[in-house]
Amino acid sequence: MKKSLLFIASLLFILTSCKEGSTDKTERSGEPDVYNVEDDDAKMNQAMIDAKNSIDDFKKAIASDNPNFEYFTIKQKFEADGGAEHIWVGDIQLIDNVLMGIIANEPVYTSEVQLGDTITVNNADISDWMYYDEGKVVGGFTIRAIRDALSPEEQAQFDAENGLIFK
């Protein structure tokens, strides 16, 4: 579990969470950046719909016990003043078709949860999911939407900083 949390923390250094209701990136000294996205961002909203519509693929993957699959994470929406914050949940377990995990990012805007809290994932509030298949990201819909909105120079920096390889 510790190895997984450390991996997620480093993996999500630039991908921490998203806050609805604002734009741009919030940089935090010694903490991961937070990408702020407008509520009406069509690409981000479509990414979240795609993630919700494909959550059964995630559940099948986690239930498969495939040794090539690792680092299962889900991004969940939490209410915050003036909007919502989407936070990654790690160490995902599927028990009787219920997803449970540990808050993997330090919340910035919400007080509903804290880093390290164990939660039951609310299916209605899932905004993304991802896992690695032989080192390549499966899912990561909102990450792709964030990356796609960056300039070519910013994309190159994004890729260099986080090392994500998408399937």
C-alpha atoms as a PDB file:
ATOM      1  CA  MET A   1       0.000   0.000   0.000  1.00  0.00           C
ATOM      2  CA  LYS A   2       2.796   2.460   0.865  1.00  0.00           C
ATOM      3  CA  LYS A   3       4.534   1.812  -2.453  1.00  0.00           C
ATOM      4  CA  SER A   4       1.307   2.488  -4.296  1.00  0.00           C
ATOM      5  CA  LEU A   5       0.631   5.759  -2.455  1.00  0.00           C
ATOM      6  CA  LEU A   6       4.173   6.974  -3.096  1.00  0.00           C
ATOM      7  CA  PHE A   7       3.863   6.114  -6.780  1.00  0.00           C
ATOM      8  CA  ILE A   8       0.546   7.897  -7.076  1.00  0.00           C
ATOM      9  CA  ALA A   9       1.869  10.950  -5.265  1.00  0.00           C
ATOM     10  CA  SER A  10       4.798  11.229  -7.657  1.00  0.00           C
ATOM     11  CA  LEU A  11       2.756  10.349 -10.727  1.00  0.00           C
ATOM     12  CA  LEU A  12       0.177  12.985  -9.951  1.00  0.00           C
ATOM     13  CA  PHE A  13       2.678  15.728  -9.178  1.00  0.00           C
ATOM     14  CA  ILE A  14       1.290  17.767 -12.051  1.00  0.00           C
ATOM     15  CA  LEU A  15      -2.094  16.072 -12.261  1.00  0.00           C
ATOM     16  CA  THR A  16      -3.379  16.528  -8.737  1.00  0.00           C
ATOM     17  CA  SER A  17      -6.935  17.683  -8.937  1.00  0.00           C
ATOM     18  CA  CYS A  18      -9.256  19.968 -10.790  1.00  0.00           C
ATOM     19  CA  LYS A  19     -11.518  22.637  -9.397  1.00  0.00           C
ATOM     20  CA  GLU A  20     -14.638  23.608 -11.263  1.00  0.00           C
ATOM     21  CA  GLY A  21     -15.538  27.251 -11.410  1.00  0.00           C
ATOM     22  CA  SER A  22     -12.191  28.772 -12.353  1.00  0.00           C
ATOM     23  CA  THR A  23      -9.493  28.602 -15.007  1.00  0.00           C
ATOM     24  CA  ASP A  24      -5.727  28.181 -15.092  1.00  0.00           C
ATOM     25  CA  LYS A  25      -3.300  26.358 -12.840  1.00  0.00           C
ATOM     26  CA  THR A  26      -2.714  26.831  -9.125  1.00  0.00           C
ATOM     27  CA  GLU A  27       0.927  26.250  -8.278  1.00  0.00           C
ATOM     28  CA  ARG A  28       1.775  25.295  -4.699  1.00  0.00           C
ATOM     29  CA  SER A  29       5.284  25.392  -3.290  1.00  0.00           C
ATOM     30  CA  GLY A  30       6.322  21.845  -2.421  1.00  0.00           C
ATOM     31  CA  GLU A  31       2.902  20.486  -3.434  1.00  0.00           C
ATOM     32  CA  PRO A  32       1.424  19.266  -6.728  1.00  0.00           C
ATOM     33  CA  ASP A  33      -0.132  21.792  -9.114  1.00  0.00           C
ATOM     34  CA  VAL A  34      -3.904  22.000  -9.392  1.00  0.00           C
ATOM     35  CA  TYR A  35      -5.449  22.598 -12.814  1.00  0.00           C
ATOM     36  CA  ASN A  36      -8.534  24.771 -12.563  1.00  0.00           C
ATOM     37  CA  VAL A  37     -11.185  24.181 -15.218  1.00  0.00           C
ATOM     38  CA  GLU A  38     -14.375  26.089 -16.008  1.00  0.00           C
ATOM     39  CA  ASP A  39     -17.646  24.268 -15.330  1.00  0.00           C
ATOM     40  CA  ASP A  40     -18.628  24.635 -18.983  1.00  0.00           C
ATOM     41  CA  ASP A  41     -15.374  23.312 -20.490  1.00  0.00           C
ATOM     42  CA  ALA A  42     -16.824  21.001 -23.164  1.00  0.00           C
ATOM     43  CA  LYS A  43     -13.743  18.790 -23.545  1.00  0.00           C
ATOM     44  CA  MET A  44     -13.352  18.272 -19.804  1.00  0.00           C
ATOM     45  CA  ASN A  45     -17.061  17.555 -19.381  1.00  0.00           C
ATOM     46  CA  GLN A  46     -16.907  15.018 -22.222  1.00  0.00           C
ATOM     47  CA  ALA A  47     -13.835  13.416 -20.619  1.00  0.00           C
ATOM     48  CA  MET A  48     -15.763  12.993 -17.363  1.00  0.00           C
ATOM     49  CA  ILE A  49     -18.761  11.520 -19.207  1.00  0.00           C
ATOM     50  CA  ASP A  50     -16.461   9.090 -21.029  1.00  0.00           C
ATOM     51  CA  ALA A  51     -14.910   8.036 -17.705  1.00  0.00           C
ATOM     52  CA  LYS A  52     -18.299   7.467 -16.069  1.00  0.00           C
ATOM     53  CA  ASN A  53     -19.607   5.552 -19.085  1.00  0.00           C
ATOM     54  CA  SER A  54     -16.616   3.220 -19.052  1.00  0.00           C
ATOM     55  CA  ILE A  55     -16.279   2.569 -15.303  1.00  0.00           C
ATOM     56  CA  ASP A  56     -17.275  -1.070 -15.884  1.00  0.00           C
ATOM     57  CA  ASP A  57     -14.061  -1.489 -17.927  1.00  0.00           C
ATOM     58  CA  PHE A  58     -12.119  -0.277 -14.878  1.00  0.00           C
ATOM     59  CA  LYS A  59     -13.996  -2.671 -12.580  1.00  0.00           C
ATOM     60  CA  LYS A  60     -13.351  -5.592 -14.933  1.00  0.00           C
ATOM     61  CA  ALA A  61      -9.649  -4.744 -15.037  1.00  0.00           C
ATOM     62  CA  ILE A  62      -9.312  -4.528 -11.259  1.00  0.00           C
ATOM     63  CA  ALA A  63     -11.274  -7.779 -10.800  1.00  0.00           C
ATOM     64  CA  SER A  64      -9.144  -9.591 -13.393  1.00  0.00           C
ATOM     65  CA  ASP A  65      -6.074  -9.806 -11.130  1.00  0.00           C
ATOM     66  CA  ASN A  66      -3.983  -9.394 -14.284  1.00  0.00           C
ATOM     67  CA  PRO A  67      -0.365  -9.012 -13.065  1.00  0.00           C
ATOM     68  CA  ASN A  68       0.288  -6.452 -15.850  1.00  0.00           C
ATOM     69  CA  PHE A  69      -2.318  -4.079 -14.371  1.00  0.00           C
ATOM     70  CA  GLU A  70      -1.275  -1.843 -11.492  1.00  0.00           C
ATOM     71  CA  TYR A  71      -1.786   1.508  -9.751  1.00  0.00           C
ATOM     72  CA  PHE A  72      -5.572   1.667 -10.007  1.00  0.00           C
ATOM     73  CA  THR A  73      -6.846   5.179  -9.244  1.00  0.00           C
ATOM     74  CA  ILE A  74     -10.142   7.026  -9.510  1.00  0.00           C
ATOM     75  CA  LYS A  75     -10.824  10.754  -9.561  1.00  0.00           C
ATOM     76  CA  GLN A  76     -13.915  11.707  -7.584  1.00  0.00           C
ATOM     77  CA  LYS A  77     -15.818  14.978  -7.294  1.00  0.00           C
ATOM     78  CA  PHE A  78     -16.169  16.588  -3.856  1.00  0.00           C
ATOM     79  CA  GLU A  79     -18.192  19.704  -3.070  1.00  0.00           C
ATOM     80  CA  ALA A  80     -16.223  22.877  -2.319  1.00  0.00           C
ATOM     81  CA  ASP A  81     -16.994  26.538  -1.766  1.00  0.00           C
ATOM     82  CA  GLY A  82     -17.929  28.030  -5.121  1.00  0.00           C
ATOM     83  CA  GLY A  83     -17.791  24.765  -7.066  1.00  0.00           C
ATOM     84  CA  ALA A  84     -16.297  21.329  -6.760  1.00  0.00           C
ATOM     85  CA  GLU A  85     -12.865  19.757  -6.473  1.00  0.00           C
ATOM     86  CA  HIS A  86     -11.944  16.542  -8.267  1.00  0.00           C
ATOM     87  CA  ILE A  87      -9.416  14.509  -6.266  1.00  0.00           C
ATOM     88  CA  TRP A  88      -7.556  11.284  -7.014  1.00  0.00           C
ATOM     89  CA  VAL A  89      -8.316   8.262  -4.841  1.00  0.00           C
ATOM     90  CA  GLY A  90      -5.656   5.525  -4.767  1.00  0.00           C
ATOM     91  CA  ASP A  91      -5.224   1.985  -3.487  1.00  0.00           C
ATOM     92  CA  ILE A  92      -8.559   1.104  -5.053  1.00  0.00           C
ATOM     93  CA  GLN A  93     -10.203  -2.126  -3.974  1.00  0.00           C
ATOM     94  CA  LEU A  94     -13.348  -3.654  -5.445  1.00  0.00           C
ATOM     95  CA  ILE A  95     -15.406  -5.382  -2.757  1.00  0.00           C
ATOM     96  CA  ASP A  96     -18.851  -6.726  -3.690  1.00  0.00           C
ATOM     97  CA  ASN A  97     -18.926  -4.353  -6.705  1.00  0.00           C
ATOM     98  CA  VAL A  98     -18.180  -1.370  -4.394  1.00  0.00           C
ATOM     99  CA  LEU A  99     -15.015   0.665  -4.978  1.00  0.00           C
ATOM    100  CA  MET A 100     -13.047   1.824  -1.950  1.00  0.00           C
ATOM    101  CA  GLY A 101      -9.771   3.712  -1.725  1.00  0.00           C
ATOM    102  CA  ILE A 102      -7.590   6.293  -0.029  1.00  0.00           C
ATOM    103  CA  ILE A 103      -7.526  10.027  -0.782  1.00  0.00           C
ATOM    104  CA  ALA A 104      -4.228  10.405  -2.648  1.00  0.00           C
ATOM    105  CA  ASN A 105      -3.989  14.203  -2.959  1.00  0.00           C
ATOM    106  CA  GLU A 106      -4.019  17.010  -0.433  1.00  0.00           C
ATOM    107  CA  PRO A 107      -7.355  18.787  -1.030  1.00  0.00           C
ATOM    108  CA  VAL A 108      -7.120  22.486  -1.808  1.00  0.00           C
ATOM    109  CA  TYR A 109     -10.731  23.653  -1.925  1.00  0.00           C
ATOM    110  CA  THR A 110     -12.874  21.011  -0.215  1.00  0.00           C
ATOM    111  CA  SER A 111     -13.107  20.153   3.458  1.00  0.00           C
ATOM    112  CA  GLU A 112     -15.104  16.953   2.825  1.00  0.00           C
ATOM    113  CA  VAL A 113     -11.981  14.776   2.868  1.00  0.00           C
ATOM    114  CA  GLN A 114      -8.322  14.878   3.836  1.00  0.00           C
ATOM    115  CA  LEU A 115      -5.192  13.265   2.440  1.00  0.00           C
ATOM    116  CA  GLY A 116      -5.100   9.632   3.604  1.00  0.00           C
ATOM    117  CA  ASP A 117      -8.833   9.282   4.335  1.00  0.00           C
ATOM    118  CA  THR A 118     -10.349   5.935   3.357  1.00  0.00           C
ATOM    119  CA  ILE A 119     -13.558   6.412   1.390  1.00  0.00           C
ATOM    120  CA  THR A 120     -16.219   4.469  -0.440  1.00  0.00           C
ATOM    121  CA  VAL A 121     -16.270   5.782  -4.002  1.00  0.00           C
ATOM    122  CA  ASN A 122     -19.556   7.369  -4.993  1.00  0.00           C
ATOM    123  CA  ASN A 123     -20.235   6.135  -8.541  1.00  0.00           C
ATOM    124  CA  ALA A 124     -22.285   9.265  -9.338  1.00  0.00           C
ATOM    125  CA  ASP A 125     -19.263  11.462  -8.536  1.00  0.00           C
ATOM    126  CA  ILE A 126     -16.585   9.587 -10.507  1.00  0.00           C
ATOM    127  CA  SER A 127     -14.888  11.992 -12.896  1.00  0.00           C
ATOM    128  CA  ASP A 128     -11.995   9.831 -14.109  1.00  0.00           C
ATOM    129  CA  TRP A 129     -10.182   6.556 -13.636  1.00  0.00           C
ATOM    130  CA  MET A 130      -6.890   5.089 -14.730  1.00  0.00           C
ATOM    131  CA  TYR A 131      -4.466   2.268 -14.253  1.00  0.00           C
ATOM    132  CA  TYR A 132      -1.259   1.075 -15.838  1.00  0.00           C
ATOM    133  CA  ASP A 133      -1.098  -1.832 -18.263  1.00  0.00           C
ATOM    134  CA  GLU A 134       2.567  -2.771 -18.730  1.00  0.00           C
ATOM    135  CA  GLY A 135       3.603   0.797 -17.961  1.00  0.00           C
ATOM    136  CA  LYS A 136       1.035   2.508 -20.196  1.00  0.00           C
ATOM    137  CA  VAL A 137      -1.923   4.517 -18.935  1.00  0.00           C
ATOM    138  CA  VAL A 138      -5.386   3.140 -19.564  1.00  0.00           C
ATOM    139  CA  GLY A 139      -8.138   5.692 -18.947  1.00  0.00           C
ATOM    140  CA  GLY A 140      -6.920   9.050 -17.697  1.00  0.00           C
ATOM    141  CA  PHE A 141      -9.600  10.894 -19.659  1.00  0.00           C
ATOM    142  CA  THR A 142      -9.289  14.206 -17.779  1.00  0.00           C
ATOM    143  CA  ILE A 143      -5.495  14.068 -17.915  1.00  0.00           C
ATOM    144  CA  ARG A 144      -5.700  13.744 -21.679  1.00  0.00           C
ATOM    145  CA  ALA A 145      -8.128  16.681 -21.833  1.00  0.00           C
ATOM    146  CA  ILE A 146      -5.769  18.855 -19.774  1.00  0.00           C
ATOM    147  CA  ARG A 147      -2.772  17.852 -21.876  1.00  0.00           C
ATOM    148  CA  ASP A 148      -4.619  18.402 -25.167  1.00  0.00           C
ATOM    149  CA  ALA A 149      -5.449  21.987 -24.108  1.00  0.00           C
ATOM    150  CA  LEU A 150      -1.775  22.872 -23.597  1.00  0.00           C
ATOM    151  CA  SER A 151       0.434  24.537 -26.185  1.00  0.00           C
ATOM    152  CA  PRO A 152       2.996  22.281 -27.921  1.00  0.00           C
ATOM    153  CA  GLU A 153       5.724  23.676 -25.644  1.00  0.00           C
ATOM    154  CA  GLU A 154       3.626  23.062 -22.536  1.00  0.00           C
ATOM    155  CA  GLN A 155       2.807  19.535 -23.740  1.00  0.00           C
ATOM    156  CA  ALA A 156       6.512  18.786 -24.102  1.00  0.00           C
ATOM    157  CA  GLN A 157       7.132  20.050 -20.558  1.00  0.00           C
ATOM    158  CA  PHE A 158       4.096  18.117 -19.280  1.00  0.00           C
ATOM    159  CA  ASP A 159       5.377  14.893 -20.871  1.00  0.00           C
ATOM    160  CA  ALA A 160       8.909  15.407 -19.573  1.00  0.00           C
ATOM    161  CA  GLU A 161       7.733  16.117 -16.022  1.00  0.00           C
ATOM    162  CA  ASN A 162       5.349  13.217 -15.554  1.00  0.00           C
ATOM    163  CA  GLY A 163       6.483  10.507 -17.954  1.00  0.00           C
ATOM    164  CA  LEU A 164       2.965   9.237 -18.687  1.00  0.00           C
ATOM    165  CA  ILE A 165       2.637   7.020 -21.726  1.00  0.00           C
ATOM    166  CA  PHE A 166      -0.922   6.572 -22.992  1.00  0.00           C
ATOM    167  CA  LYS A 167      -2.225   3.435 -24.694  1.00  0.00           C
END
